[in-house]
Amino acid sequence: MANEEQLSILRQGVEGWNKWRGEHPEVEIDLNDADLGEAKLAGVDFSGVRLRRVNLYKADLRKANLSEANLRKANLFGANLMEADLSGASLRDANLGGTDLRRANLSEAILEQAELRKANLEQAGLRGANLFEARIALANLKSADLSHANLS
């Protein structure tokens, strides 16, 4: 269950959230199960944040830092993650269908059984990513770096 105090800080805006994160690096962030559908979160710092089962449907997460975040079973359908950092993130069983991931960094990300149908991964960095049983039908992988990625 999401921490209501942390959600309240986030609802005040990305700038305030990022400032608060910088001032409180020792605080563990728990936004599991939060409803952030269609939220304007471009540039947000969600590095290492627990975001299991979070709803980020059509959210604007351009240039967001989601490195090492736990997004297991998250709904990111139609979200804008262009140029976002998802390196080392856990996206197991996440819904990324129709998501814009152009130029996103997904190196070492766990995308096992993730839904990536119709996702735009053009020029995305997927070096060492685990896409075991991921559904990638109709995904755009043009110029994506898939070196050392598990596509089994």
N, C-alpha and C. Protein backbone atom coordinates (compact mmCIF):
# COMPACT_ATOMS: atom_id res chain seq x y z
N MET A 1 0.84 -1.19 0.00
CA MET A 1 0.00 0.00 0.00
C MET A 1 0.88 1.24 0.00
N ALA A 2 0.54 2.19 -0.82
CA ALA A 2 1.33 3.41 -0.94
C ALA A 2 1.34 4.22 0.35
N ASN A 3 2.47 4.83 0.62
CA ASN A 3 2.62 5.71 1.77
C ASN A 3 1.91 7.03 1.45
N GLU A 4 0.88 7.35 2.18
CA GLU A 4 0.05 8.53 1.89
C GLU A 4 0.83 9.84 2.03
N GLU A 5 1.73 9.93 2.99
CA GLU A 5 2.54 11.13 3.16
C GLU A 5 3.42 11.36 1.93
N GLN A 6 4.02 10.29 1.42
CA GLN A 6 4.86 10.39 0.23
C GLN A 6 4.02 10.75 -1.00
N LEU A 7 2.84 10.17 -1.12
CA LEU A 7 1.95 10.52 -2.23
C LEU A 7 1.56 11.99 -2.18
N SER A 8 1.34 12.50 -0.99
CA SER A 8 0.99 13.91 -0.82
C SER A 8 2.12 14.82 -1.32
N ILE A 9 3.35 14.46 -1.02
CA ILE A 9 4.50 15.24 -1.48
C ILE A 9 4.58 15.19 -3.00
N LEU A 10 4.38 14.00 -3.57
CA LEU A 10 4.43 13.84 -5.02
C LEU A 10 3.36 14.67 -5.71
N ARG A 11 2.18 14.74 -5.13
CA ARG A 11 1.07 15.49 -5.74
C ARG A 11 1.33 17.00 -5.77
N GLN A 12 2.32 17.46 -5.01
CA GLN A 12 2.68 18.88 -5.03
C GLN A 12 3.52 19.25 -6.25
N GLY A 13 4.00 18.24 -6.97
CA GLY A 13 4.74 18.50 -8.21
C GLY A 13 6.12 17.85 -8.22
N VAL A 14 6.63 17.65 -9.43
CA VAL A 14 7.90 16.98 -9.63
C VAL A 14 9.05 17.74 -8.99
N GLU A 15 9.08 19.05 -9.14
CA GLU A 15 10.18 19.84 -8.60
C GLU A 15 10.28 19.68 -7.07
N GLY A 16 9.15 19.79 -6.39
CA GLY A 16 9.12 19.63 -4.94
C GLY A 16 9.48 18.21 -4.52
N TRP A 17 8.97 17.22 -5.28
CA TRP A 17 9.28 15.82 -5.00
C TRP A 17 10.78 15.57 -5.11
N ASN A 18 11.38 16.00 -6.22
CA ASN A 18 12.81 15.76 -6.43
C ASN A 18 13.65 16.46 -5.36
N LYS A 19 13.23 17.65 -4.95
CA LYS A 19 13.94 18.38 -3.90
C LYS A 19 13.85 17.60 -2.58
N TRP A 20 12.65 17.13 -2.26
CA TRP A 20 12.43 16.37 -1.04
C TRP A 20 13.27 15.08 -1.05
N ARG A 21 13.32 14.39 -2.20
CA ARG A 21 14.14 13.17 -2.32
C ARG A 21 15.60 13.48 -2.07
N GLY A 22 16.08 14.62 -2.61
CA GLY A 22 17.47 15.01 -2.42
C GLY A 22 17.80 15.32 -0.96
N GLU A 23 16.82 15.85 -0.26
CA GLU A 23 17.01 16.21 1.15
C GLU A 23 16.83 15.02 2.09
N HIS A 24 16.21 13.93 1.60
CA HIS A 24 15.92 12.76 2.44
C HIS A 24 16.34 11.47 1.73
N PRO A 25 17.62 11.35 1.41
CA PRO A 25 18.06 10.16 0.66
C PRO A 25 17.93 8.85 1.44
N GLU A 26 17.81 8.92 2.75
CA GLU A 26 17.73 7.72 3.57
C GLU A 26 16.31 7.13 3.62
N VAL A 27 15.31 7.88 3.19
CA VAL A 27 13.91 7.44 3.27
C VAL A 27 13.60 6.44 2.16
N GLU A 28 13.05 5.28 2.55
CA GLU A 28 12.60 4.30 1.57
C GLU A 28 11.24 4.74 1.06
N ILE A 29 11.10 4.76 -0.26
CA ILE A 29 9.86 5.25 -0.87
C ILE A 29 8.98 4.06 -1.25
N ASP A 30 7.74 4.10 -0.81
CA ASP A 30 6.78 3.04 -1.12
C ASP A 30 5.54 3.66 -1.76
N LEU A 31 5.44 3.47 -3.07
CA LEU A 31 4.26 3.94 -3.80
C LEU A 31 3.51 2.75 -4.42
N ASN A 32 3.69 1.56 -3.85
CA ASN A 32 2.99 0.37 -4.34
C ASN A 32 1.49 0.64 -4.40
N ASP A 33 0.87 0.17 -5.47
CA ASP A 33 -0.59 0.23 -5.67
C ASP A 33 -1.15 1.65 -5.86
N ALA A 34 -0.29 2.65 -6.01
CA ALA A 34 -0.78 4.03 -6.19
C ALA A 34 -1.43 4.20 -7.56
N ASP A 35 -2.40 5.07 -7.64
CA ASP A 35 -3.04 5.41 -8.91
C ASP A 35 -2.48 6.74 -9.40
N LEU A 36 -1.56 6.65 -10.36
CA LEU A 36 -0.94 7.84 -10.94
C LEU A 36 -1.24 7.92 -12.43
N GLY A 37 -2.37 7.39 -12.81
CA GLY A 37 -2.78 7.40 -14.22
C GLY A 37 -2.84 8.81 -14.77
N GLU A 38 -2.24 9.00 -15.94
CA GLU A 38 -2.21 10.28 -16.67
C GLU A 38 -1.49 11.39 -15.92
N ALA A 39 -0.69 11.04 -14.92
CA ALA A 39 0.05 12.04 -14.15
C ALA A 39 1.15 12.68 -14.98
N LYS A 40 1.44 13.93 -14.71
CA LYS A 40 2.52 14.68 -15.36
C LYS A 40 3.76 14.56 -14.48
N LEU A 41 4.64 13.63 -14.83
CA LEU A 41 5.80 13.32 -13.99
C LEU A 41 7.11 13.38 -14.76
N ALA A 42 7.18 14.19 -15.78
CA ALA A 42 8.41 14.30 -16.57
C ALA A 42 9.56 14.74 -15.67
N GLY A 43 10.67 13.99 -15.73
CA GLY A 43 11.86 14.33 -14.95
C GLY A 43 11.82 13.89 -13.50
N VAL A 44 10.81 13.13 -13.10
CA VAL A 44 10.70 12.71 -11.70
C VAL A 44 11.81 11.73 -11.33
N ASP A 45 12.24 11.78 -10.08
CA ASP A 45 13.23 10.85 -9.56
C ASP A 45 12.52 9.75 -8.78
N PHE A 46 12.34 8.61 -9.46
CA PHE A 46 11.76 7.43 -8.84
C PHE A 46 12.82 6.33 -8.72
N SER A 47 14.09 6.70 -8.67
CA SER A 47 15.15 5.70 -8.59
C SER A 47 15.01 4.90 -7.30
N GLY A 48 15.02 3.57 -7.45
CA GLY A 48 14.93 2.68 -6.30
C GLY A 48 13.58 2.64 -5.60
N VAL A 49 12.57 3.27 -6.17
CA VAL A 49 11.25 3.36 -5.53
C VAL A 49 10.45 2.07 -5.75
N ARG A 50 9.69 1.70 -4.73
CA ARG A 50 8.78 0.56 -4.85
C ARG A 50 7.49 1.04 -5.51
N LEU A 51 7.25 0.52 -6.72
CA LEU A 51 6.09 0.92 -7.52
C LEU A 51 5.33 -0.31 -8.01
N ARG A 52 5.30 -1.35 -7.20
CA ARG A 52 4.60 -2.57 -7.61
C ARG A 52 3.11 -2.29 -7.80
N ARG A 53 2.59 -2.79 -8.89
CA ARG A 53 1.16 -2.69 -9.23
C ARG A 53 0.67 -1.25 -9.34
N VAL A 54 1.58 -0.29 -9.50
CA VAL A 54 1.18 1.11 -9.64
C VAL A 54 0.49 1.32 -10.98
N ASN A 55 -0.47 2.22 -11.01
CA ASN A 55 -1.13 2.58 -12.27
C ASN A 55 -0.50 3.86 -12.80
N LEU A 56 0.24 3.72 -13.90
CA LEU A 56 0.84 4.87 -14.58
C LEU A 56 0.32 4.94 -16.01
N TYR A 57 -0.92 4.54 -16.20
CA TYR A 57 -1.58 4.54 -17.51
C TYR A 57 -1.48 5.94 -18.13
N LYS A 58 -0.88 5.98 -19.31
CA LYS A 58 -0.72 7.23 -20.08
C LYS A 58 -0.03 8.36 -19.31
N ALA A 59 0.79 8.01 -18.33
CA ALA A 59 1.52 9.03 -17.56
C ALA A 59 2.66 9.60 -18.39
N ASP A 60 3.01 10.85 -18.14
CA ASP A 60 4.14 11.50 -18.80
C ASP A 60 5.35 11.33 -17.90
N LEU A 61 6.25 10.43 -18.29
CA LEU A 61 7.46 10.12 -17.53
C LEU A 61 8.71 10.38 -18.37
N ARG A 62 8.62 11.33 -19.28
CA ARG A 62 9.79 11.65 -20.11
C ARG A 62 10.97 12.03 -19.23
N LYS A 63 12.13 11.46 -19.55
CA LYS A 63 13.39 11.75 -18.86
C LYS A 63 13.33 11.47 -17.36
N ALA A 64 12.42 10.61 -16.94
CA ALA A 64 12.32 10.24 -15.52
C ALA A 64 13.44 9.28 -15.16
N ASN A 65 13.82 9.28 -13.89
CA ASN A 65 14.81 8.35 -13.39
C ASN A 65 14.08 7.25 -12.63
N LEU A 66 13.99 6.08 -13.25
CA LEU A 66 13.35 4.92 -12.64
C LEU A 66 14.37 3.79 -12.47
N SER A 67 15.64 4.14 -12.42
CA SER A 67 16.68 3.12 -12.28
C SER A 67 16.49 2.36 -10.98
N GLU A 68 16.63 1.03 -11.08
CA GLU A 68 16.52 0.14 -9.92
C GLU A 68 15.14 0.16 -9.25
N ALA A 69 14.15 0.76 -9.89
CA ALA A 69 12.79 0.79 -9.33
C ALA A 69 12.13 -0.58 -9.47
N ASN A 70 11.22 -0.89 -8.57
CA ASN A 70 10.45 -2.13 -8.64
C ASN A 70 9.08 -1.80 -9.21
N LEU A 71 8.90 -2.11 -10.50
CA LEU A 71 7.65 -1.84 -11.21
C LEU A 71 6.94 -3.14 -11.58
N ARG A 72 7.12 -4.15 -10.78
CA ARG A 72 6.50 -5.44 -11.07
C ARG A 72 4.98 -5.29 -11.13
N LYS A 73 4.41 -5.81 -12.19
CA LYS A 73 2.95 -5.79 -12.44
C LYS A 73 2.39 -4.37 -12.55
N ALA A 74 3.23 -3.41 -12.86
CA ALA A 74 2.76 -2.02 -13.03
C ALA A 74 2.03 -1.87 -14.35
N ASN A 75 1.08 -0.94 -14.40
CA ASN A 75 0.37 -0.63 -15.63
C ASN A 75 0.94 0.67 -16.19
N LEU A 76 1.75 0.53 -17.25
CA LEU A 76 2.35 1.68 -17.93
C LEU A 76 1.80 1.81 -19.34
N PHE A 77 0.65 1.22 -19.60
CA PHE A 77 0.08 1.22 -20.94
C PHE A 77 -0.04 2.65 -21.47
N GLY A 78 0.55 2.88 -22.64
CA GLY A 78 0.44 4.18 -23.30
C GLY A 78 1.23 5.30 -22.65
N ALA A 79 2.08 4.98 -21.68
CA ALA A 79 2.87 6.02 -21.00
C ALA A 79 3.98 6.54 -21.90
N ASN A 80 4.43 7.76 -21.63
CA ASN A 80 5.55 8.35 -22.36
C ASN A 80 6.79 8.24 -21.47
N LEU A 81 7.67 7.30 -21.84
CA LEU A 81 8.92 7.07 -21.11
C LEU A 81 10.11 7.40 -22.00
N MET A 82 9.91 8.32 -22.92
CA MET A 82 10.97 8.71 -23.83
C MET A 82 12.17 9.23 -23.05
N GLU A 83 13.35 8.67 -23.33
CA GLU A 83 14.61 9.06 -22.72
C GLU A 83 14.65 8.83 -21.21
N ALA A 84 13.77 7.98 -20.70
CA ALA A 84 13.77 7.66 -19.27
C ALA A 84 14.88 6.67 -18.95
N ASP A 85 15.34 6.69 -17.71
CA ASP A 85 16.34 5.74 -17.24
C ASP A 85 15.64 4.66 -16.43
N LEU A 86 15.57 3.46 -17.03
CA LEU A 86 14.98 2.30 -16.37
C LEU A 86 16.04 1.22 -16.16
N SER A 87 17.29 1.62 -16.12
CA SER A 87 18.37 0.65 -15.97
C SER A 87 18.23 -0.10 -14.65
N GLY A 88 18.33 -1.42 -14.74
CA GLY A 88 18.22 -2.25 -13.55
C GLY A 88 16.85 -2.34 -12.93
N ALA A 89 15.85 -1.76 -13.56
CA ALA A 89 14.49 -1.78 -13.01
C ALA A 89 13.86 -3.15 -13.19
N SER A 90 12.98 -3.52 -12.28
CA SER A 90 12.21 -4.75 -12.39
C SER A 90 10.84 -4.41 -12.97
N LEU A 91 10.61 -4.90 -14.20
CA LEU A 91 9.34 -4.68 -14.89
C LEU A 91 8.67 -6.01 -15.20
N ARG A 92 8.92 -7.00 -14.37
CA ARG A 92 8.35 -8.33 -14.56
C ARG A 92 6.83 -8.24 -14.52
N ASP A 93 6.21 -8.83 -15.53
CA ASP A 93 4.73 -8.86 -15.65
C ASP A 93 4.11 -7.47 -15.79
N ALA A 94 4.89 -6.46 -16.14
CA ALA A 94 4.36 -5.11 -16.30
C ALA A 94 3.70 -4.96 -17.67
N ASN A 95 2.72 -4.06 -17.75
CA ASN A 95 2.06 -3.76 -19.01
C ASN A 95 2.67 -2.49 -19.59
N LEU A 96 3.48 -2.67 -20.65
CA LEU A 96 4.12 -1.57 -21.35
C LEU A 96 3.59 -1.47 -22.78
N GLY A 97 2.42 -2.03 -23.02
CA GLY A 97 1.83 -2.00 -24.35
C GLY A 97 1.60 -0.57 -24.82
N GLY A 98 2.01 -0.28 -26.06
CA GLY A 98 1.81 1.04 -26.63
C GLY A 98 2.62 2.14 -25.98
N THR A 99 3.61 1.77 -25.17
CA THR A 99 4.42 2.75 -24.46
C THR A 99 5.51 3.33 -25.35
N ASP A 100 5.81 4.62 -25.19
CA ASP A 100 6.88 5.28 -25.93
C ASP A 100 8.16 5.19 -25.11
N LEU A 101 9.07 4.31 -25.54
CA LEU A 101 10.34 4.10 -24.86
C LEU A 101 11.51 4.49 -25.76
N ARG A 102 11.28 5.40 -26.67
CA ARG A 102 12.37 5.82 -27.56
C ARG A 102 13.53 6.40 -26.75
N ARG A 103 14.72 5.92 -27.08
CA ARG A 103 15.97 6.36 -26.46
C ARG A 103 16.00 6.14 -24.94
N ALA A 104 15.14 5.27 -24.43
CA ALA A 104 15.15 4.95 -22.99
C ALA A 104 16.29 3.99 -22.69
N ASN A 105 16.80 4.06 -21.47
CA ASN A 105 17.85 3.17 -21.01
C ASN A 105 17.20 2.05 -20.21
N LEU A 106 17.19 0.85 -20.79
CA LEU A 106 16.64 -0.33 -20.13
C LEU A 106 17.74 -1.38 -19.91
N SER A 107 18.98 -0.93 -19.84
CA SER A 107 20.07 -1.88 -19.66
C SER A 107 19.92 -2.61 -18.32
N GLU A 108 20.11 -3.93 -18.39
CA GLU A 108 20.01 -4.80 -17.22
C GLU A 108 18.61 -4.82 -16.59
N ALA A 109 17.62 -4.29 -17.27
CA ALA A 109 16.24 -4.31 -16.75
C ALA A 109 15.66 -5.72 -16.83
N ILE A 110 14.78 -6.03 -15.92
CA ILE A 110 14.08 -7.32 -15.91
C ILE A 110 12.70 -7.11 -16.51
N LEU A 111 12.52 -7.66 -17.71
CA LEU A 111 11.25 -7.50 -18.44
C LEU A 111 10.60 -8.86 -18.68
N GLU A 112 10.85 -9.80 -17.78
CA GLU A 112 10.29 -11.14 -17.93
C GLU A 112 8.76 -11.07 -17.97
N GLN A 113 8.19 -11.71 -18.97
CA GLN A 113 6.75 -11.81 -19.16
C GLN A 113 6.06 -10.44 -19.24
N ALA A 114 6.80 -9.42 -19.59
CA ALA A 114 6.21 -8.08 -19.73
C ALA A 114 5.44 -7.97 -21.05
N GLU A 115 4.44 -7.14 -21.05
CA GLU A 115 3.65 -6.85 -22.24
C GLU A 115 4.27 -5.64 -22.93
N LEU A 116 4.83 -5.86 -24.12
CA LEU A 116 5.47 -4.78 -24.88
C LEU A 116 4.88 -4.64 -26.28
N ARG A 117 3.71 -5.21 -26.50
CA ARG A 117 3.09 -5.11 -27.83
C ARG A 117 2.87 -3.65 -28.20
N LYS A 118 3.28 -3.35 -29.42
CA LYS A 118 3.13 -2.00 -30.00
C LYS A 118 3.93 -0.93 -29.25
N ALA A 119 4.86 -1.33 -28.40
CA ALA A 119 5.72 -0.35 -27.72
C ALA A 119 6.75 0.19 -28.71
N ASN A 120 7.13 1.43 -28.55
CA ASN A 120 8.14 2.04 -29.41
C ASN A 120 9.47 2.06 -28.65
N LEU A 121 10.36 1.14 -29.04
CA LEU A 121 11.67 1.00 -28.40
C LEU A 121 12.79 1.45 -29.34
N GLU A 122 12.46 2.34 -30.26
CA GLU A 122 13.45 2.82 -31.22
C GLU A 122 14.62 3.47 -30.48
N GLN A 123 15.82 3.02 -30.79
CA GLN A 123 17.07 3.51 -30.21
C GLN A 123 17.15 3.30 -28.69
N ALA A 124 16.34 2.41 -28.16
CA ALA A 124 16.40 2.12 -26.72
C ALA A 124 17.62 1.25 -26.41
N GLY A 125 18.16 1.44 -25.23
CA GLY A 125 19.28 0.63 -24.78
C GLY A 125 18.79 -0.53 -23.95
N LEU A 126 18.87 -1.73 -24.51
CA LEU A 126 18.41 -2.94 -23.83
C LEU A 126 19.58 -3.89 -23.55
N ARG A 127 20.76 -3.34 -23.46
CA ARG A 127 21.97 -4.15 -23.24
C ARG A 127 21.82 -4.94 -21.94
N GLY A 128 21.90 -6.28 -22.07
CA GLY A 128 21.83 -7.14 -20.90
C GLY A 128 20.45 -7.26 -20.27
N ALA A 129 19.43 -6.74 -20.92
CA ALA A 129 18.07 -6.83 -20.37
C ALA A 129 17.55 -8.26 -20.47
N ASN A 130 16.67 -8.62 -19.56
CA ASN A 130 16.06 -9.95 -19.56
C ASN A 130 14.63 -9.82 -20.06
N LEU A 131 14.41 -10.29 -21.30
CA LEU A 131 13.08 -10.24 -21.92
C LEU A 131 12.49 -11.64 -22.05
N PHE A 132 12.84 -12.53 -21.13
CA PHE A 132 12.35 -13.90 -21.15
C PHE A 132 10.81 -13.90 -21.18
N GLU A 133 10.26 -14.53 -22.21
CA GLU A 133 8.81 -14.65 -22.41
C GLU A 133 8.08 -13.31 -22.49
N ALA A 134 8.79 -12.24 -22.79
CA ALA A 134 8.12 -10.94 -22.99
C ALA A 134 7.36 -10.98 -24.31
N ARG A 135 6.25 -10.28 -24.35
CA ARG A 135 5.43 -10.23 -25.56
C ARG A 135 5.80 -8.95 -26.33
N ILE A 136 6.51 -9.13 -27.45
CA ILE A 136 7.04 -7.98 -28.19
C ILE A 136 6.46 -7.85 -29.60
N ALA A 137 5.32 -8.52 -29.86
CA ALA A 137 4.70 -8.44 -31.18
C ALA A 137 4.40 -6.98 -31.54
N LEU A 138 4.76 -6.61 -32.74
CA LEU A 138 4.52 -5.28 -33.30
C LEU A 138 5.27 -4.16 -32.57
N ALA A 139 6.22 -4.52 -31.71
CA ALA A 139 7.04 -3.49 -31.06
C ALA A 139 8.07 -2.97 -32.06
N ASN A 140 8.39 -1.69 -31.97
CA ASN A 140 9.39 -1.07 -32.83
C ASN A 140 10.74 -1.16 -32.12
N LEU A 141 11.64 -1.99 -32.67
CA LEU A 141 12.96 -2.17 -32.08
C LEU A 141 14.05 -1.60 -33.00
N LYS A 142 13.67 -0.69 -33.87
CA LYS A 142 14.61 -0.11 -34.82
C LYS A 142 15.77 0.55 -34.07
N SER A 143 16.98 0.14 -34.43
CA SER A 143 18.23 0.69 -33.86
C SER A 143 18.35 0.51 -32.35
N ALA A 144 17.59 -0.41 -31.77
CA ALA A 144 17.71 -0.68 -30.34
C ALA A 144 18.97 -1.51 -30.09
N ASP A 145 19.62 -1.28 -28.97
CA ASP A 145 20.80 -2.06 -28.59
C ASP A 145 20.35 -3.27 -27.78
N LEU A 146 20.38 -4.42 -28.43
CA LEU A 146 19.94 -5.66 -27.80
C LEU A 146 21.12 -6.58 -27.45
N SER A 147 22.32 -6.02 -27.42
CA SER A 147 23.48 -6.86 -27.15
C SER A 147 23.40 -7.45 -25.74
N HIS A 148 23.66 -8.74 -25.67
CA HIS A 148 23.65 -9.51 -24.43
C HIS A 148 22.26 -9.58 -23.77
N ALA A 149 21.21 -9.21 -24.49
CA ALA A 149 19.85 -9.30 -23.96
C ALA A 149 19.34 -10.74 -24.08
N ASN A 150 18.53 -11.16 -23.13
CA ASN A 150 17.91 -12.48 -23.17
C ASN A 150 16.56 -12.33 -23.86
N LEU A 151 16.45 -12.89 -25.07
CA LEU A 151 15.21 -12.80 -25.84
C LEU A 151 14.51 -14.15 -25.93
N SER A 152 14.85 -15.07 -25.05
CA SER A 152 14.25 -16.42 -25.14
C SER A 152 12.80 -16.41 -24.68
